[in-house]
């Protein structure tokens, strides 16, 4: 779908009606008017437009109160599609989904470092072209590209300001992709995209305040406050991994010392494990630490418990600062949930100030490895369906 067409599909009243249909389908025009406080003529006019655009379909499933059965409305979930991209720091993954987030095609490429901005953009374009070729659908059916990018992102311009692990700066992602594909492009920090995806697809109900923390090659958080994705004054809200834990600790990729990331990322766990094992295993990875723990290696079990305790201390700080109703954890490190999560909960219960806050719900994402990819998809769906969730 060309950029101009997508903009024409968007209006506040149209988004309100679309979202009401999405969350309440099947629903009648009369019920939409009653629940949204829009006038019946306004609802009828916009619904007619949505049906013509293919976003909404109708059926006669309603209950009659004595007269003719009301016509009920549904979202045409498979009429339009979204491309979602999860970029970095180790690979680029790309998916094509319908409006419900069902994945039809996927592709991925490793990022070989050292890498230039041009090299990064080249791999990105290659994956998007591959998805388009695999799908064989008319590009007019794609409402846009949502991209989750590691590091600091300027969401207004769609620019990657700092991608520390890739050692890249100032990548004009939105500008380049919109020119290349003539599609609407939304770019967001990966952890914030994951948070939005959780609020959209994660089945968390109407949680007013929620934090999603992504712990893998790096560590980041996305914050949803009062239904809004929060970015902060300069767009760096959620850089949870760069919270200082030890002012004399190891140097982080960001240049500071003792960041949380230097203790709990996958590579940090592998490094600490090799130290604990006195180098008896070479080239150990975070995944292998987990596998050794599963086999009963007590040093690895202890290290993962210790990692959970450190994460729990970080989450305690987060609870004291934001006091969210729910914290969702994702990323490769959380595959070690069996060993890590009990220590996280114990640390929170031991350290959080009030009894009520100690009971903050902390859980692992149910979206699995696709949490960030689906978050990238949700960047476009929110634009289409929900005008309320905006930059905070």
Protein backbone atom coordinates (compact mmCIF):
# COMPACT_ATOMS: atom_id res chain seq x y z
CA UNK A 1 0.00 0.00 0.00
CA UNK A 2 1.55 3.28 -1.06
CA UNK A 3 2.39 5.77 1.68
CA UNK A 4 -0.28 8.26 0.60
CA UNK A 5 -2.98 5.59 0.60
CA UNK A 6 -2.11 4.55 4.14
CA UNK A 7 -2.37 8.16 5.33
CA UNK A 8 -5.81 8.47 3.74
CA UNK A 9 -6.97 5.38 5.63
CA UNK A 10 -6.13 7.05 8.92
CA UNK A 11 -8.37 9.40 10.85
CA UNK A 12 -9.24 9.55 14.52
CA UNK A 13 -12.89 8.55 14.09
CA UNK A 14 -11.97 5.84 11.60
CA UNK A 15 -9.38 4.41 14.00
CA UNK A 16 -11.87 4.54 16.89
CA UNK A 17 -14.42 2.57 14.87
CA UNK A 18 -11.84 0.09 13.57
CA UNK A 19 -10.54 -0.56 17.07
CA UNK A 20 -14.07 -0.99 18.43
CA UNK A 21 -14.78 -3.59 15.74
CA UNK A 22 -11.43 -5.29 16.39
CA UNK A 23 -12.00 -5.60 20.14
CA UNK A 24 -15.75 -6.32 20.09
CA UNK A 25 -16.48 -8.18 16.84
CA UNK A 26 -19.05 -9.14 15.78
CA UNK A 27 -20.68 -5.78 16.50
CA UNK A 28 -23.48 -3.76 14.89
CA UNK A 29 -23.35 -0.18 13.67
CA UNK A 30 -25.86 0.81 16.33
CA UNK A 31 -23.73 -0.69 19.10
CA UNK A 32 -20.62 1.08 17.78
CA UNK A 33 -22.46 4.42 17.86
CA UNK A 34 -23.69 3.75 21.40
CA UNK A 35 -20.28 2.73 22.77
CA UNK A 36 -18.14 5.31 20.96
CA UNK A 37 -20.58 8.24 21.33
CA UNK A 38 -20.28 8.92 17.59
CA UNK A 39 -23.47 9.75 15.71
CA UNK A 40 -25.15 6.93 13.75
CA UNK A 41 -24.71 8.78 10.41
CA UNK A 42 -20.97 9.21 11.13
CA UNK A 43 -20.64 5.52 11.98
CA UNK A 44 -22.55 4.43 8.87
CA UNK A 45 -20.50 6.68 6.60
CA UNK A 46 -17.15 5.50 7.98
CA UNK A 47 -18.19 1.82 8.02
CA UNK A 48 -19.21 2.12 4.35
CA UNK A 49 -15.74 3.51 3.59
CA UNK A 50 -14.02 0.76 5.59
CA UNK A 51 -15.99 -1.92 3.73
CA UNK A 52 -15.04 -0.34 0.38
CA UNK A 53 -11.38 -0.33 1.47
CA UNK A 54 -11.61 -4.01 2.38
CA UNK A 55 -10.77 -3.54 6.06
CA UNK A 56 -14.23 -4.53 7.31
CA UNK A 57 -16.78 -7.16 6.25
CA UNK A 58 -20.37 -7.73 7.35
CA UNK A 59 -22.59 -10.70 8.21
CA UNK A 60 -26.11 -11.24 9.60
CA UNK A 61 -25.31 -12.90 12.91
CA UNK A 62 -26.96 -10.42 15.27
CA UNK A 63 -29.77 -11.18 17.68
CA UNK A 64 -33.10 -9.67 16.67
CA UNK A 65 -35.17 -7.77 19.24
CA UNK A 66 -38.33 -8.29 17.20
CA UNK A 67 -37.42 -6.79 13.84
CA UNK A 68 -34.85 -7.58 11.20
CA UNK A 69 -31.57 -9.08 12.40
CA UNK A 70 -28.87 -6.40 12.62
CA UNK A 71 -25.89 -6.60 10.25
CA UNK A 72 -22.75 -7.42 12.20
CA UNK A 73 -19.27 -6.15 11.40
CA UNK A 74 -15.90 -7.92 11.43
CA UNK A 75 -12.29 -7.03 10.67
CA UNK A 76 -11.03 -8.54 7.41
CA UNK A 77 -7.84 -9.79 9.02
CA UNK A 78 -6.33 -11.34 5.89
CA UNK A 79 -7.10 -8.56 3.43
CA UNK A 80 -4.02 -6.53 4.37
CA UNK A 81 -0.54 -7.45 5.53
CA UNK A 82 2.39 -5.99 7.47
CA UNK A 83 6.13 -6.57 7.15
CA UNK A 84 7.88 -6.76 10.52
CA UNK A 85 11.66 -6.51 10.94
CA UNK A 86 13.86 -7.21 13.98
CA UNK A 87 17.29 -5.75 13.24
CA UNK A 88 20.43 -6.55 15.17
CA UNK A 89 22.63 -6.89 16.87
CA UNK A 90 23.50 -10.33 15.44
CA UNK A 91 21.02 -10.80 12.59
CA UNK A 92 18.13 -9.29 10.70
CA UNK A 93 14.84 -11.19 10.82
CA UNK A 94 11.85 -10.34 8.67
CA UNK A 95 8.24 -11.61 8.67
CA UNK A 96 5.00 -11.03 6.79
CA UNK A 97 1.80 -11.17 8.88
CA UNK A 98 -1.89 -10.45 8.53
CA UNK A 99 -3.70 -7.99 10.82
CA UNK A 100 -3.92 -10.59 13.62
CA UNK A 101 -0.16 -11.19 13.65
CA UNK A 102 -0.37 -14.61 11.99
CA UNK A 103 2.99 -15.20 10.30
CA UNK A 104 2.94 -16.34 6.67
CA UNK A 105 6.57 -15.95 5.61
CA UNK A 106 9.88 -15.28 7.31
CA UNK A 107 13.51 -14.80 6.39
CA UNK A 108 16.74 -13.90 8.19
CA UNK A 109 20.38 -13.01 7.56
CA UNK A 110 23.38 -12.87 9.87
CA UNK A 111 25.08 -9.50 10.29
CA UNK A 112 28.80 -9.93 9.68
CA UNK A 113 30.87 -7.34 11.56
CA UNK A 114 32.60 -4.99 11.09
CA UNK A 115 29.71 -3.41 9.23
CA UNK A 116 29.07 -0.05 7.58
CA UNK A 117 25.75 1.83 7.46
CA UNK A 118 25.54 0.99 3.76
CA UNK A 119 26.22 -2.69 4.42
CA UNK A 120 23.54 -2.79 7.10
CA UNK A 121 20.98 -1.14 4.80
CA UNK A 122 21.90 -3.59 2.02
CA UNK A 123 21.16 -6.64 4.21
CA UNK A 124 17.93 -5.00 5.35
CA UNK A 125 16.70 -4.37 1.80
CA UNK A 126 17.69 -7.89 0.75
CA UNK A 127 15.48 -9.44 3.46
CA UNK A 128 12.49 -7.24 2.65
CA UNK A 129 12.79 -8.05 -1.07
CA UNK A 130 12.97 -11.75 -0.18
CA UNK A 131 9.74 -11.49 1.84
CA UNK A 132 8.01 -9.70 -1.04
CA UNK A 133 9.14 -12.40 -3.47
CA UNK A 134 8.07 -15.23 -1.15
CA UNK A 135 4.62 -13.76 -0.56
CA UNK A 136 3.74 -13.06 -4.20
CA UNK A 137 1.00 -10.71 -2.99
CA UNK A 138 0.16 -7.34 -4.48
CA UNK A 139 2.21 -4.67 -2.69
CA UNK A 140 -0.97 -2.57 -2.41
CA UNK A 141 -2.10 -5.11 0.19
CA UNK A 142 0.86 -4.28 2.49
CA UNK A 143 0.09 -1.37 4.82
CA UNK A 144 3.73 -0.79 5.73
CA UNK A 145 6.98 -1.93 7.31
CA UNK A 146 7.53 -1.89 11.08
CA UNK A 147 11.11 -2.18 12.25
CA UNK A 148 12.54 -2.90 15.71
CA UNK A 149 16.14 -1.66 15.89
CA UNK A 150 18.66 -2.29 18.62
CA UNK A 151 20.08 0.84 20.30
CA UNK A 152 18.85 4.44 20.36
CA UNK A 153 16.27 5.42 17.73
CA UNK A 154 14.80 8.79 16.73
CA UNK A 155 11.23 7.62 16.14
CA UNK A 156 10.15 10.84 14.44
CA UNK A 157 12.74 10.60 11.65
CA UNK A 158 13.13 6.82 11.81
CA UNK A 159 16.87 7.16 12.27
CA UNK A 160 19.09 4.75 14.19
CA UNK A 161 21.14 7.24 16.22
CA UNK A 162 23.37 4.74 18.03
CA UNK A 163 23.62 0.99 17.49
CA UNK A 164 26.38 0.35 20.06
CA UNK A 165 26.95 -3.37 19.57
CA UNK A 166 27.18 -2.93 15.79
CA UNK A 167 29.25 0.23 16.29
CA UNK A 168 27.02 2.16 13.86
CA UNK A 169 25.51 5.65 14.07
CA UNK A 170 23.01 7.82 12.21
CA UNK A 171 21.46 5.24 9.87
CA UNK A 172 18.53 6.92 7.98
CA UNK A 173 16.40 3.75 7.96
CA UNK A 174 12.95 5.26 7.39
CA UNK A 175 14.12 7.65 4.66
CA UNK A 176 15.95 4.93 2.72
CA UNK A 177 13.26 2.25 3.02
CA UNK A 178 10.36 4.56 2.16
CA UNK A 179 12.20 5.70 -0.96
CA UNK A 180 13.09 2.11 -1.91
CA UNK A 181 9.70 0.44 -1.32
CA UNK A 182 7.22 3.37 -1.33
CA UNK A 183 5.63 1.99 1.86
CA UNK A 184 5.00 3.63 5.23
CA UNK A 185 7.91 2.76 7.55
CA UNK A 186 7.92 2.96 11.36
CA UNK A 187 11.19 2.46 13.27
CA UNK A 188 11.40 1.88 17.01
CA UNK A 189 13.89 0.67 19.61
CA UNK A 190 13.63 -3.13 19.85
CA UNK A 191 12.71 -3.31 23.55
CA UNK A 192 10.03 -0.64 23.15
CA UNK A 193 8.67 -2.46 20.11
CA UNK A 194 8.54 -5.63 22.19
CA UNK A 195 6.58 -3.78 24.89
CA UNK A 196 4.07 -2.55 22.33
CA UNK A 197 3.80 -6.05 20.86
CA UNK A 198 3.14 -7.46 24.32
CA UNK A 199 0.36 -4.92 24.92
CA UNK A 200 -1.08 -5.73 21.48
CA UNK A 201 -0.65 -9.51 21.15
CA UNK A 202 0.39 -10.74 24.61
CA UNK A 203 -3.07 -11.18 26.14
CA UNK A 204 -2.41 -8.83 29.06
CA UNK A 205 -5.86 -7.22 29.05
CA UNK A 206 -6.06 -3.56 29.89
CA UNK A 207 -2.86 -3.27 31.95
CA UNK A 208 -2.45 0.50 32.35
CA UNK A 209 1.26 0.31 33.15
CA UNK A 210 3.54 -2.40 31.89
CA UNK A 211 7.27 -2.90 31.28
CA UNK A 212 8.77 -5.40 28.84
CA UNK A 213 12.45 -6.23 29.34
CA UNK A 214 14.45 -7.89 26.57
CA UNK A 215 17.56 -9.73 27.86
CA UNK A 216 19.72 -11.26 25.16
CA UNK A 217 22.81 -10.01 23.36
CA UNK A 218 21.94 -6.64 24.92
CA UNK A 219 19.45 -5.54 27.58
CA UNK A 220 16.66 -3.03 27.05
CA UNK A 221 13.20 -2.18 28.32
CA UNK A 222 10.01 -0.73 26.88
CA UNK A 223 7.59 1.14 29.10
CA UNK A 224 3.85 1.48 28.56
CA UNK A 225 2.29 4.08 30.90
CA UNK A 226 -1.44 4.84 30.86
CA UNK A 227 -1.71 3.05 27.53
CA UNK A 228 1.10 5.07 25.94
CA UNK A 229 4.52 3.90 24.81
CA UNK A 230 6.93 6.09 26.75
CA UNK A 231 10.06 7.48 25.08
CA UNK A 232 11.29 10.17 27.46
CA UNK A 233 12.41 13.72 26.71
CA UNK A 234 15.29 12.71 24.41
CA UNK A 235 14.06 9.28 23.37
CA UNK A 236 16.32 7.13 25.55
CA UNK A 237 13.76 5.93 28.10
CA UNK A 238 14.08 2.20 28.67
CA UNK A 239 17.86 1.85 28.39
CA UNK A 240 17.61 -0.54 31.31
CA UNK A 241 20.78 -2.40 30.38
CA UNK A 242 22.84 0.74 30.93
CA UNK A 243 21.76 1.19 34.52
CA UNK A 244 25.02 1.30 36.52
CA UNK A 245 25.32 -1.65 38.91
CA UNK A 246 29.04 -1.43 39.76
CA UNK A 247 30.93 1.85 39.19
CA UNK A 248 34.19 -0.14 39.13
CA UNK A 249 32.86 -2.92 36.91
CA UNK A 250 33.76 -4.02 33.40
CA UNK A 251 33.55 -1.54 30.54
CA UNK A 252 30.28 -1.79 28.62
CA UNK A 253 29.92 -1.39 24.85
CA UNK A 254 28.42 2.04 25.59
CA UNK A 255 31.73 3.13 27.16
CA UNK A 256 30.52 3.28 30.77
CA UNK A 257 31.62 0.87 33.48
CA UNK A 258 29.54 -1.65 35.36
CA UNK A 259 26.28 -1.46 33.38
CA UNK A 260 23.67 -4.12 34.16
CA UNK A 261 24.27 -5.46 30.64
CA UNK A 262 27.85 -6.40 31.58
CA UNK A 263 26.44 -8.86 34.14
CA UNK A 264 23.29 -10.39 32.63
CA UNK A 265 23.51 -10.36 28.81
CA UNK A 266 24.14 -13.70 27.08
CA UNK A 267 27.79 -12.89 26.42
CA UNK A 268 28.29 -11.64 29.99
CA UNK A 269 26.88 -14.91 31.36
CA UNK A 270 29.26 -16.88 29.12
CA UNK A 271 32.24 -14.79 30.28
CA UNK A 272 31.34 -15.18 33.96
CA UNK A 273 30.83 -18.92 33.47
CA UNK A 274 34.28 -19.36 31.96
CA UNK A 275 35.76 -17.53 34.94
CA UNK A 276 33.77 -19.74 37.34
CA UNK A 277 34.84 -22.89 35.49
CA UNK A 278 38.50 -21.75 35.48
CA UNK A 279 38.60 -21.93 31.69
CA UNK A 280 38.02 -25.67 31.58
CA UNK A 281 35.62 -25.12 28.64
CA UNK A 282 36.69 -22.92 25.73
CA UNK A 283 34.37 -20.67 23.69
CA UNK A 284 31.43 -21.15 26.02
CA UNK A 285 28.13 -19.48 25.06
CA UNK A 286 25.19 -18.43 27.20
CA UNK A 287 23.12 -21.22 25.65
CA UNK A 288 25.79 -23.78 26.59
CA UNK A 289 25.78 -22.50 30.19
CA UNK A 290 22.04 -23.27 30.31
CA UNK A 291 22.59 -26.72 28.79
CA UNK A 292 25.29 -27.50 31.36
CA UNK A 293 22.94 -26.36 34.13
CA UNK A 294 20.27 -28.73 32.80
CA UNK A 295 22.84 -31.55 33.07
CA UNK A 296 23.39 -30.70 36.73
CA UNK A 297 26.60 -28.64 36.56
CA UNK A 298 26.47 -26.92 39.95
CA UNK A 299 28.78 -24.06 38.96
CA UNK A 300 26.47 -23.14 36.05
CA UNK A 301 23.34 -23.55 38.17
CA UNK A 302 24.83 -21.23 40.80
CA UNK A 303 25.83 -18.71 38.14
CA UNK A 304 22.32 -18.62 36.64
CA UNK A 305 20.82 -18.18 40.13
CA UNK A 306 23.27 -15.32 40.68
CA UNK A 307 22.25 -13.83 37.32
CA UNK A 308 18.60 -13.98 38.36
CA UNK A 309 19.45 -12.19 41.60
CA UNK A 310 21.21 -9.39 39.67
CA UNK A 311 18.26 -9.06 37.26
CA UNK A 312 15.95 -8.98 40.29
CA UNK A 313 17.95 -6.09 41.78
CA UNK A 314 17.62 -4.21 38.49
CA UNK A 315 13.87 -4.90 38.38
CA UNK A 316 13.57 -3.72 41.98
CA UNK A 317 14.99 -0.36 40.88
CA UNK A 318 12.51 -0.37 38.00
CA UNK A 319 9.58 -1.07 40.34
CA UNK A 320 10.65 1.71 42.68
CA UNK A 321 10.96 4.15 39.77
CA UNK A 322 7.88 3.29 37.68
CA UNK A 323 5.73 0.96 39.82
CA UNK A 324 4.27 -0.96 36.84
CA UNK A 325 1.40 -3.40 37.27
CA UNK A 326 3.22 -6.02 35.22
CA UNK A 327 6.76 -6.83 33.99
CA UNK A 328 7.25 -9.15 31.01
CA UNK A 329 10.68 -10.66 30.40
CA UNK A 330 11.91 -11.86 27.02
CA UNK A 331 15.08 -12.53 25.04
CA UNK A 332 17.44 -15.47 24.79
CA UNK A 333 18.63 -15.30 28.41
CA UNK A 334 15.09 -15.97 29.64
CA UNK A 335 15.20 -19.41 28.05
CA UNK A 336 16.98 -20.20 31.33
CA UNK A 337 13.78 -19.24 33.18
CA UNK A 338 13.87 -22.46 35.20
CA UNK A 339 17.06 -21.35 36.99
CA UNK A 340 16.79 -17.56 36.72
CA UNK A 341 13.17 -16.75 37.56
CA UNK A 342 13.06 -18.06 41.18
CA UNK A 343 16.05 -15.85 42.03
CA UNK A 344 14.43 -12.84 40.32
CA UNK A 345 11.24 -13.24 42.36
CA UNK A 346 13.19 -13.80 45.57
CA UNK A 347 15.28 -10.64 45.03
CA UNK A 348 12.16 -8.56 44.36
CA UNK A 349 10.31 -9.86 47.41
CA UNK A 350 13.36 -9.23 49.58
CA UNK A 351 14.10 -5.70 48.37
CA UNK A 352 10.93 -3.91 47.21
CA UNK A 353 9.62 -1.37 49.71
CA UNK A 354 5.93 -2.26 50.14
CA UNK A 355 4.04 -5.53 50.43
CA UNK A 356 1.78 -4.59 47.51
CA UNK A 357 4.68 -3.72 45.19
CA UNK A 358 6.46 -6.96 46.13
CA UNK A 359 3.57 -8.75 44.42
CA UNK A 360 4.22 -7.03 41.07
CA UNK A 361 3.49 -9.66 38.42
CA UNK A 362 6.72 -10.72 36.70
CA UNK A 363 6.36 -13.22 33.89
CA UNK A 364 8.12 -14.50 30.77
CA UNK A 365 6.64 -13.56 27.39
CA UNK A 366 4.25 -16.03 25.82
CA UNK A 367 5.18 -14.75 22.35
CA UNK A 368 8.51 -16.62 22.44
CA UNK A 369 11.26 -15.71 20.00
CA UNK A 370 8.79 -13.70 17.90
CA UNK A 371 7.98 -11.15 20.63
CA UNK A 372 10.11 -8.37 19.10
CA UNK A 373 9.11 -9.20 15.52
CA UNK A 374 5.42 -9.01 16.44
CA UNK A 375 6.21 -5.78 18.26
CA UNK A 376 7.56 -4.41 14.96
CA UNK A 377 4.30 -5.44 13.27
CA UNK A 378 2.28 -3.70 15.99
CA UNK A 379 3.94 -0.37 15.14
CA UNK A 380 1.79 -0.27 12.00
CA UNK A 381 -1.32 -1.79 13.56
CA UNK A 382 -1.37 0.80 16.33
CA UNK A 383 -1.19 3.55 13.70
CA UNK A 384 -4.17 2.03 11.93
CA UNK A 385 -6.36 0.87 14.80
CA UNK A 386 -5.56 2.89 17.89
CA UNK A 387 -4.88 6.62 17.74
CA UNK A 388 -4.64 6.76 21.52
CA UNK A 389 -1.29 4.94 21.91
CA UNK A 390 1.22 7.62 20.98
CA UNK A 391 4.63 8.86 22.01
CA UNK A 392 4.84 9.78 25.69
